[in-house]
Amino acid sequence: MREGCPNCEDVLHLQGSQDAIEECTSQVFEGLITLADPSKSWVARWQRLDGYVKGVYAVKVTGTVSHSYLGGLINSFLLRP
């Protein structure tokens, strides 16, 4: 992840900030979902990813997010507490 996440750039503003990218990503995850066409995928609808860009997503991520990013993620529904 050199450029951040295209799904959460509006909230986290990670692009161009290697420190922010490292602070908001985790290498500890379980399972993968690959979305080739999120608008037509039943898996994307079931996982509430149908508005996301195509790509590979973790099913479950383990890690902590700093308080400076936490509020924005919850308010934008990108993080489910």
PDB file of N, CA and C in Angstrom:
ATOM      1  N   MET A   1       0.840  -1.189   0.000  1.00  0.00           N
ATOM      2  CA  MET A   1       0.000   0.000   0.000  1.00  0.00           C
ATOM      3  C   MET A   1       0.878   1.243   0.000  1.00  0.00           C
ATOM      4  N   ARG A   2       1.259   1.684  -1.131  1.00  0.00           N
ATOM      5  CA  ARG A   2       2.087   2.883  -1.215  1.00  0.00           C
ATOM      6  C   ARG A   2       1.262   4.149  -1.343  1.00  0.00           C
ATOM      7  N   GLU A   3       0.013   4.004  -1.793  1.00  0.00           N
ATOM      8  CA  GLU A   3      -0.804   5.180  -2.057  1.00  0.00           C
ATOM      9  C   GLU A   3      -2.006   5.300  -1.134  1.00  0.00           C
ATOM     10  N   GLY A   4      -2.170   4.397  -0.217  1.00  0.00           N
ATOM     11  CA  GLY A   4      -3.330   4.441   0.662  1.00  0.00           C
ATOM     12  C   GLY A   4      -4.477   3.626   0.099  1.00  0.00           C
ATOM     13  N   CYS A   5      -5.662   3.903   0.556  1.00  0.00           N
ATOM     14  CA  CYS A   5      -6.856   3.148   0.175  1.00  0.00           C
ATOM     15  C   CYS A   5      -7.808   4.045  -0.614  1.00  0.00           C
ATOM     16  N   PRO A   6      -8.152   3.680  -1.856  1.00  0.00           N
ATOM     17  CA  PRO A   6      -9.044   4.525  -2.643  1.00  0.00           C
ATOM     18  C   PRO A   6     -10.459   4.619  -2.062  1.00  0.00           C
ATOM     19  N   ASN A   7     -10.849   3.649  -1.243  1.00  0.00           N
ATOM     20  CA  ASN A   7     -12.188   3.675  -0.650  1.00  0.00           C
ATOM     21  C   ASN A   7     -12.293   4.642   0.520  1.00  0.00           C
ATOM     22  N   CYS A   8     -11.192   4.961   1.145  1.00  0.00           N
ATOM     23  CA  CYS A   8     -11.258   5.800   2.343  1.00  0.00           C
ATOM     24  C   CYS A   8     -10.419   7.073   2.253  1.00  0.00           C
ATOM     25  N   GLU A   9      -9.975   7.414   1.059  1.00  0.00           N
ATOM     26  CA  GLU A   9      -9.153   8.613   0.880  1.00  0.00           C
ATOM     27  C   GLU A   9      -9.895   9.873   1.329  1.00  0.00           C
ATOM     28  N   ASP A  10     -11.192   9.946   1.071  1.00  0.00           N
ATOM     29  CA  ASP A  10     -11.975  11.119   1.489  1.00  0.00           C
ATOM     30  C   ASP A  10     -11.986  11.299   2.996  1.00  0.00           C
ATOM     31  N   VAL A  11     -11.837  10.214   3.733  1.00  0.00           N
ATOM     32  CA  VAL A  11     -11.897  10.265   5.197  1.00  0.00           C
ATOM     33  C   VAL A  11     -10.501  10.351   5.813  1.00  0.00           C
ATOM     34  N   LEU A  12      -9.580   9.513   5.336  1.00  0.00           N
ATOM     35  CA  LEU A  12      -8.275   9.395   5.985  1.00  0.00           C
ATOM     36  C   LEU A  12      -7.168  10.252   5.370  1.00  0.00           C
ATOM     37  N   HIS A  13      -7.301  10.607   4.098  1.00  0.00           N
ATOM     38  CA  HIS A  13      -6.304  11.442   3.420  1.00  0.00           C
ATOM     39  C   HIS A  13      -4.904  10.843   3.545  1.00  0.00           C
ATOM     40  N   LEU A  14      -4.761   9.615   3.106  1.00  0.00           N
ATOM     41  CA  LEU A  14      -3.504   8.891   3.245  1.00  0.00           C
ATOM     42  C   LEU A  14      -2.539   9.120   2.092  1.00  0.00           C
ATOM     43  N   GLN A  15      -3.045   9.467   0.935  1.00  0.00           N
ATOM     44  CA  GLN A  15      -2.211   9.550  -0.258  1.00  0.00           C
ATOM     45  C   GLN A  15      -1.032  10.500  -0.041  1.00  0.00           C
ATOM     46  N   GLY A  16       0.157   9.989  -0.333  1.00  0.00           N
ATOM     47  CA  GLY A  16       1.371  10.780  -0.204  1.00  0.00           C
ATOM     48  C   GLY A  16       1.976  10.816   1.182  1.00  0.00           C
ATOM     49  N   SER A  17       1.361  10.149   2.157  1.00  0.00           N
ATOM     50  CA  SER A  17       1.879  10.152   3.526  1.00  0.00           C
ATOM     51  C   SER A  17       2.192   8.725   3.969  1.00  0.00           C
ATOM     52  N   GLN A  18       3.430   8.322   3.829  1.00  0.00           N
ATOM     53  CA  GLN A  18       3.831   6.966   4.204  1.00  0.00           C
ATOM     54  C   GLN A  18       3.576   6.692   5.676  1.00  0.00           C
ATOM     55  N   ASP A  19       3.800   7.678   6.543  1.00  0.00           N
ATOM     56  CA  ASP A  19       3.555   7.498   7.980  1.00  0.00           C
ATOM     57  C   ASP A  19       2.086   7.216   8.258  1.00  0.00           C
ATOM     58  N   ALA A  20       1.183   7.955   7.617  1.00  0.00           N
ATOM     59  CA  ALA A  20      -0.258   7.749   7.818  1.00  0.00           C
ATOM     60  C   ALA A  20      -0.692   6.395   7.278  1.00  0.00           C
ATOM     61  N   ILE A  21      -0.137   5.989   6.138  1.00  0.00           N
ATOM     62  CA  ILE A  21      -0.475   4.679   5.562  1.00  0.00           C
ATOM     63  C   ILE A  21      -0.072   3.566   6.521  1.00  0.00           C
ATOM     64  N   GLU A  22       1.124   3.652   7.069  1.00  0.00           N
ATOM     65  CA  GLU A  22       1.594   2.631   8.013  1.00  0.00           C
ATOM     66  C   GLU A  22       0.769   2.635   9.297  1.00  0.00           C
ATOM     67  N   GLU A  23       0.314   3.797   9.715  1.00  0.00           N
ATOM     68  CA  GLU A  23      -0.477   3.892  10.944  1.00  0.00           C
ATOM     69  C   GLU A  23      -1.881   3.321  10.771  1.00  0.00           C
ATOM     70  N   CYS A  24      -2.394   3.319   9.545  1.00  0.00           N
ATOM     71  CA  CYS A  24      -3.777   2.899   9.307  1.00  0.00           C
ATOM     72  C   CYS A  24      -3.911   1.541   8.635  1.00  0.00           C
ATOM     73  N   THR A  25      -2.816   0.817   8.455  1.00  0.00           N
ATOM     74  CA  THR A  25      -2.907  -0.503   7.847  1.00  0.00           C
ATOM     75  C   THR A  25      -2.364  -1.560   8.798  1.00  0.00           C
ATOM     76  N   SER A  26      -2.759  -2.796   8.550  1.00  0.00           N
ATOM     77  CA  SER A  26      -2.333  -3.912   9.390  1.00  0.00           C
ATOM     78  C   SER A  26      -1.938  -5.082   8.504  1.00  0.00           C
ATOM     79  N   GLN A  27      -0.950  -5.832   8.923  1.00  0.00           N
ATOM     80  CA  GLN A  27      -0.549  -7.040   8.208  1.00  0.00           C
ATOM     81  C   GLN A  27      -1.187  -8.276   8.819  1.00  0.00           C
ATOM     82  N   VAL A  28      -2.033  -8.085   9.821  1.00  0.00           N
ATOM     83  CA  VAL A  28      -2.677  -9.205  10.506  1.00  0.00           C
ATOM     84  C   VAL A  28      -4.148  -9.235  10.090  1.00  0.00           C
ATOM     85  N   PHE A  29      -4.519 -10.250   9.308  1.00  0.00           N
ATOM     86  CA  PHE A  29      -5.891 -10.350   8.830  1.00  0.00           C
ATOM     87  C   PHE A  29      -6.254 -11.811   8.604  1.00  0.00           C
ATOM     88  N   GLU A  30      -7.567 -12.055   8.466  1.00  0.00           N
ATOM     89  CA  GLU A  30      -8.078 -13.399   8.187  1.00  0.00           C
ATOM     90  C   GLU A  30      -8.973 -13.346   6.961  1.00  0.00           C
ATOM     91  N   GLY A  31      -8.776 -14.257   6.047  1.00  0.00           N
ATOM     92  CA  GLY A  31      -9.637 -14.409   4.880  1.00  0.00           C
ATOM     93  C   GLY A  31      -9.509 -13.278   3.873  1.00  0.00           C
ATOM     94  N   LEU A  32      -9.853 -13.586   2.632  1.00  0.00           N
ATOM     95  CA  LEU A  32      -9.801 -12.605   1.558  1.00  0.00           C
ATOM     96  C   LEU A  32     -11.073 -12.656   0.731  1.00  0.00           C
ATOM     97  N   ILE A  33     -11.481 -11.499   0.237  1.00  0.00           N
ATOM     98  CA  ILE A  33     -12.575 -11.392  -0.729  1.00  0.00           C
ATOM     99  C   ILE A  33     -12.003 -10.649  -1.925  1.00  0.00           C
ATOM    100  N   THR A  34     -12.143 -11.220  -3.110  1.00  0.00           N
ATOM    101  CA  THR A  34     -11.698 -10.556  -4.324  1.00  0.00           C
ATOM    102  C   THR A  34     -12.925 -10.077  -5.081  1.00  0.00           C
ATOM    103  N   LEU A  35     -12.976  -8.785  -5.360  1.00  0.00           N
ATOM    104  CA  LEU A  35     -14.113  -8.199  -6.062  1.00  0.00           C
ATOM    105  C   LEU A  35     -13.684  -7.739  -7.441  1.00  0.00           C
ATOM    106  N   ALA A  36     -14.208  -8.383  -8.474  1.00  0.00           N
ATOM    107  CA  ALA A  36     -13.922  -7.985  -9.850  1.00  0.00           C
ATOM    108  C   ALA A  36     -14.922  -6.938 -10.325  1.00  0.00           C
ATOM    109  N   ASP A  37     -16.171  -7.059  -9.892  1.00  0.00           N
ATOM    110  CA  ASP A  37     -17.217  -6.100 -10.262  1.00  0.00           C
ATOM    111  C   ASP A  37     -18.129  -5.900  -9.051  1.00  0.00           C
ATOM    112  N   PRO A  38     -17.750  -5.022  -8.131  1.00  0.00           N
ATOM    113  CA  PRO A  38     -18.502  -4.850  -6.874  1.00  0.00           C
ATOM    114  C   PRO A  38     -19.979  -4.512  -7.066  1.00  0.00           C
ATOM    115  N   SER A  39     -20.336  -3.834  -8.149  1.00  0.00           N
ATOM    116  CA  SER A  39     -21.732  -3.444  -8.351  1.00  0.00           C
ATOM    117  C   SER A  39     -22.634  -4.626  -8.693  1.00  0.00           C
ATOM    118  N   LYS A  40     -22.056  -5.748  -9.159  1.00  0.00           N
ATOM    119  CA  LYS A  40     -22.851  -6.915  -9.547  1.00  0.00           C
ATOM    120  C   LYS A  40     -22.646  -8.115  -8.632  1.00  0.00           C
ATOM    121  N   SER A  41     -21.798  -7.992  -7.644  1.00  0.00           N
ATOM    122  CA  SER A  41     -21.430  -9.124  -6.805  1.00  0.00           C
ATOM    123  C   SER A  41     -22.362  -9.289  -5.613  1.00  0.00           C
ATOM    124  N   TRP A  42     -22.903 -10.482  -5.422  1.00  0.00           N
ATOM    125  CA  TRP A  42     -23.736 -10.732  -4.242  1.00  0.00           C
ATOM    126  C   TRP A  42     -22.873 -10.740  -2.982  1.00  0.00           C
ATOM    127  N   VAL A  43     -21.609 -11.169  -3.097  1.00  0.00           N
ATOM    128  CA  VAL A  43     -20.702 -11.151  -1.954  1.00  0.00           C
ATOM    129  C   VAL A  43     -20.441  -9.703  -1.526  1.00  0.00           C
ATOM    130  N   ALA A  44     -20.254  -8.819  -2.492  1.00  0.00           N
ATOM    131  CA  ALA A  44     -20.048  -7.396  -2.178  1.00  0.00           C
ATOM    132  C   ALA A  44     -21.266  -6.820  -1.464  1.00  0.00           C
ATOM    133  N   ARG A  45     -22.461  -7.165  -1.929  1.00  0.00           N
ATOM    134  CA  ARG A  45     -23.680  -6.677  -1.251  1.00  0.00           C
ATOM    135  C   ARG A  45     -23.777  -7.255   0.160  1.00  0.00           C
ATOM    136  N   TRP A  46     -23.508  -8.540   0.303  1.00  0.00           N
ATOM    137  CA  TRP A  46     -23.600  -9.222   1.592  1.00  0.00           C
ATOM    138  C   TRP A  46     -22.605  -8.635   2.590  1.00  0.00           C
ATOM    139  N   GLN A  47     -21.389  -8.291   2.124  1.00  0.00           N
ATOM    140  CA  GLN A  47     -20.355  -7.733   2.991  1.00  0.00           C
ATOM    141  C   GLN A  47     -20.387  -6.197   3.024  1.00  0.00           C
ATOM    142  N   ARG A  48     -21.371  -5.612   2.387  1.00  0.00           N
ATOM    143  CA  ARG A  48     -21.534  -4.150   2.292  1.00  0.00           C
ATOM    144  C   ARG A  48     -20.317  -3.488   1.635  1.00  0.00           C
ATOM    145  N   LEU A  49     -19.824  -4.110   0.575  1.00  0.00           N
ATOM    146  CA  LEU A  49     -18.687  -3.583  -0.180  1.00  0.00           C
ATOM    147  C   LEU A  49     -19.102  -3.157  -1.587  1.00  0.00           C
ATOM    148  N   ASP A  50     -20.400  -3.139  -1.871  1.00  0.00           N
ATOM    149  CA  ASP A  50     -20.854  -2.886  -3.235  1.00  0.00           C
ATOM    150  C   ASP A  50     -20.546  -1.475  -3.747  1.00  0.00           C
ATOM    151  N   GLY A  51     -20.216  -0.534  -2.890  1.00  0.00           N
ATOM    152  CA  GLY A  51     -19.831   0.798  -3.338  1.00  0.00           C
ATOM    153  C   GLY A  51     -18.320   0.975  -3.433  1.00  0.00           C
ATOM    154  N   TYR A  52     -17.572  -0.058  -3.146  1.00  0.00           N
ATOM    155  CA  TYR A  52     -16.110   0.018  -3.127  1.00  0.00           C
ATOM    156  C   TYR A  52     -15.534  -0.211  -4.522  1.00  0.00           C
ATOM    157  N   VAL A  53     -14.272   0.101  -4.703  1.00  0.00           N
ATOM    158  CA  VAL A  53     -13.598  -0.162  -5.971  1.00  0.00           C
ATOM    159  C   VAL A  53     -13.190  -1.628  -6.022  1.00  0.00           C
ATOM    160  N   LYS A  54     -12.980  -2.144  -7.243  1.00  0.00           N
ATOM    161  CA  LYS A  54     -12.575  -3.545  -7.367  1.00  0.00           C
ATOM    162  C   LYS A  54     -11.205  -3.732  -6.731  1.00  0.00           C
ATOM    163  N   GLY A  55     -11.002  -4.930  -6.178  1.00  0.00           N
ATOM    164  CA  GLY A  55      -9.737  -5.216  -5.522  1.00  0.00           C
ATOM    165  C   GLY A  55      -9.858  -6.398  -4.587  1.00  0.00           C
ATOM    166  N   VAL A  56      -8.872  -6.561  -3.721  1.00  0.00           N
ATOM    167  CA  VAL A  56      -8.817  -7.657  -2.761  1.00  0.00           C
ATOM    168  C   VAL A  56      -8.962  -7.064  -1.364  1.00  0.00           C
ATOM    169  N   TYR A  57      -9.878  -7.635  -0.573  1.00  0.00           N
ATOM    170  CA  TYR A  57     -10.193  -7.115   0.755  1.00  0.00           C
ATOM    171  C   TYR A  57     -10.063  -8.203   1.811  1.00  0.00           C
ATOM    172  N   ALA A  58      -9.625  -7.816   2.996  1.00  0.00           N
ATOM    173  CA  ALA A  58      -9.560  -8.740   4.120  1.00  0.00           C
ATOM    174  C   ALA A  58     -10.955  -8.897   4.714  1.00  0.00           C
ATOM    175  N   VAL A  59     -11.287 -10.095   5.164  1.00  0.00           N
ATOM    176  CA  VAL A  59     -12.569 -10.340   5.812  1.00  0.00           C
ATOM    177  C   VAL A  59     -12.541  -9.809   7.242  1.00  0.00           C
ATOM    178  N   LYS A  60     -11.441 -10.047   7.946  1.00  0.00           N
ATOM    179  CA  LYS A  60     -11.303  -9.593   9.333  1.00  0.00           C
ATOM    180  C   LYS A  60      -9.876  -9.076   9.528  1.00  0.00           C
ATOM    181  N   VAL A  61      -9.765  -7.873  10.082  1.00  0.00           N
ATOM    182  CA  VAL A  61      -8.463  -7.257  10.312  1.00  0.00           C
ATOM    183  C   VAL A  61      -8.251  -7.107  11.811  1.00  0.00           C
ATOM    184  N   THR A  62      -7.063  -7.447  12.280  1.00  0.00           N
ATOM    185  CA  THR A  62      -6.713  -7.275  13.687  1.00  0.00           C
ATOM    186  C   THR A  62      -5.692  -6.150  13.790  1.00  0.00           C
ATOM    187  N   GLY A  63      -5.974  -5.205  14.658  1.00  0.00           N
ATOM    188  CA  GLY A  63      -5.061  -4.078  14.848  1.00  0.00           C
ATOM    189  C   GLY A  63      -5.775  -2.944  15.538  1.00  0.00           C
ATOM    190  N   THR A  64      -5.064  -1.878  15.741  1.00  0.00           N
ATOM    191  CA  THR A  64      -5.654  -0.701  16.370  1.00  0.00           C
ATOM    192  C   THR A  64      -5.496   0.503  15.448  1.00  0.00           C
ATOM    193  N   VAL A  65      -6.453   1.390  15.517  1.00  0.00           N
ATOM    194  CA  VAL A  65      -6.434   2.627  14.750  1.00  0.00           C
ATOM    195  C   VAL A  65      -6.299   3.770  15.750  1.00  0.00           C
ATOM    196  N   SER A  66      -5.431   4.718  15.443  1.00  0.00           N
ATOM    197  CA  SER A  66      -5.232   5.826  16.375  1.00  0.00           C
ATOM    198  C   SER A  66      -6.511   6.653  16.501  1.00  0.00           C
ATOM    199  N   HIS A  67      -6.664   7.304  17.625  1.00  0.00           N
ATOM    200  CA  HIS A  67      -7.857   8.109  17.898  1.00  0.00           C
ATOM    201  C   HIS A  67      -8.034   9.232  16.882  1.00  0.00           C
ATOM    202  N   SER A  68      -6.957   9.710  16.300  1.00  0.00           N
ATOM    203  CA  SER A  68      -7.067  10.797  15.329  1.00  0.00           C
ATOM    204  C   SER A  68      -7.799  10.360  14.054  1.00  0.00           C
ATOM    205  N   TYR A  69      -7.828   9.067  13.758  1.00  0.00           N
ATOM    206  CA  TYR A  69      -8.527   8.549  12.584  1.00  0.00           C
ATOM    207  C   TYR A  69      -9.840   7.848  12.933  1.00  0.00           C
ATOM    208  N   LEU A  70      -9.985   7.417  14.156  1.00  0.00           N
ATOM    209  CA  LEU A  70     -11.108   6.576  14.567  1.00  0.00           C
ATOM    210  C   LEU A  70     -12.471   7.232  14.339  1.00  0.00           C
ATOM    211  N   GLY A  71     -12.643   8.469  14.739  1.00  0.00           N
ATOM    212  CA  GLY A  71     -13.932   9.148  14.598  1.00  0.00           C
ATOM    213  C   GLY A  71     -14.395   9.239  13.160  1.00  0.00           C
ATOM    214  N   GLY A  72     -13.491   9.604  12.266  1.00  0.00           N
ATOM    215  CA  GLY A  72     -13.839   9.709  10.857  1.00  0.00           C
ATOM    216  C   GLY A  72     -14.236   8.380  10.251  1.00  0.00           C
ATOM    217  N   LEU A  73     -13.564   7.307  10.648  1.00  0.00           N
ATOM    218  CA  LEU A  73     -13.892   5.978  10.132  1.00  0.00           C
ATOM    219  C   LEU A  73     -15.270   5.520  10.593  1.00  0.00           C
ATOM    220  N   ILE A  74     -15.585   5.741  11.843  1.00  0.00           N
ATOM    221  CA  ILE A  74     -16.892   5.335  12.364  1.00  0.00           C
ATOM    222  C   ILE A  74     -18.003   6.179  11.738  1.00  0.00           C
ATOM    223  N   ASN A  75     -17.798   7.485  11.642  1.00  0.00           N
ATOM    224  CA  ASN A  75     -18.815   8.377  11.070  1.00  0.00           C
ATOM    225  C   ASN A  75     -19.090   8.080   9.603  1.00  0.00           C
ATOM    226  N   SER A  76     -18.088   7.607   8.887  1.00  0.00           N
ATOM    227  CA  SER A  76     -18.273   7.319   7.469  1.00  0.00           C
ATOM    228  C   SER A  76     -18.664   5.860   7.223  1.00  0.00           C
ATOM    229  N   PHE A  77     -18.839   5.082   8.287  1.00  0.00           N
ATOM    230  CA  PHE A  77     -19.231   3.668   8.211  1.00  0.00           C
ATOM    231  C   PHE A  77     -18.159   2.785   7.583  1.00  0.00           C
ATOM    232  N   LEU A  78     -16.903   3.248   7.509  1.00  0.00           N
ATOM    233  CA  LEU A  78     -15.818   2.408   7.018  1.00  0.00           C
ATOM    234  C   LEU A  78     -15.311   1.476   8.093  1.00  0.00           C
ATOM    235  N   LEU A  79     -15.638   1.765   9.341  1.00  0.00           N
ATOM    236  CA  LEU A  79     -15.230   0.915  10.456  1.00  0.00           C
ATOM    237  C   LEU A  79     -16.468   0.571  11.252  1.00  0.00           C
ATOM    238  N   ARG A  80     -16.653  -0.711  11.493  1.00  0.00           N
ATOM    239  CA  ARG A  80     -17.805  -1.160  12.302  1.00  0.00           C
ATOM    240  C   ARG A  80     -17.293  -1.578  13.660  1.00  0.00           C
ATOM    241  N   PRO A  81     -17.600  -0.779  14.696  1.00  0.00           N
ATOM    242  CA  PRO A  81     -17.091  -1.103  16.043  1.00  0.00           C
ATOM    243  C   PRO A  81     -17.678  -2.391  16.590  1.00  0.00           C
TER     244      PRO A  81
END
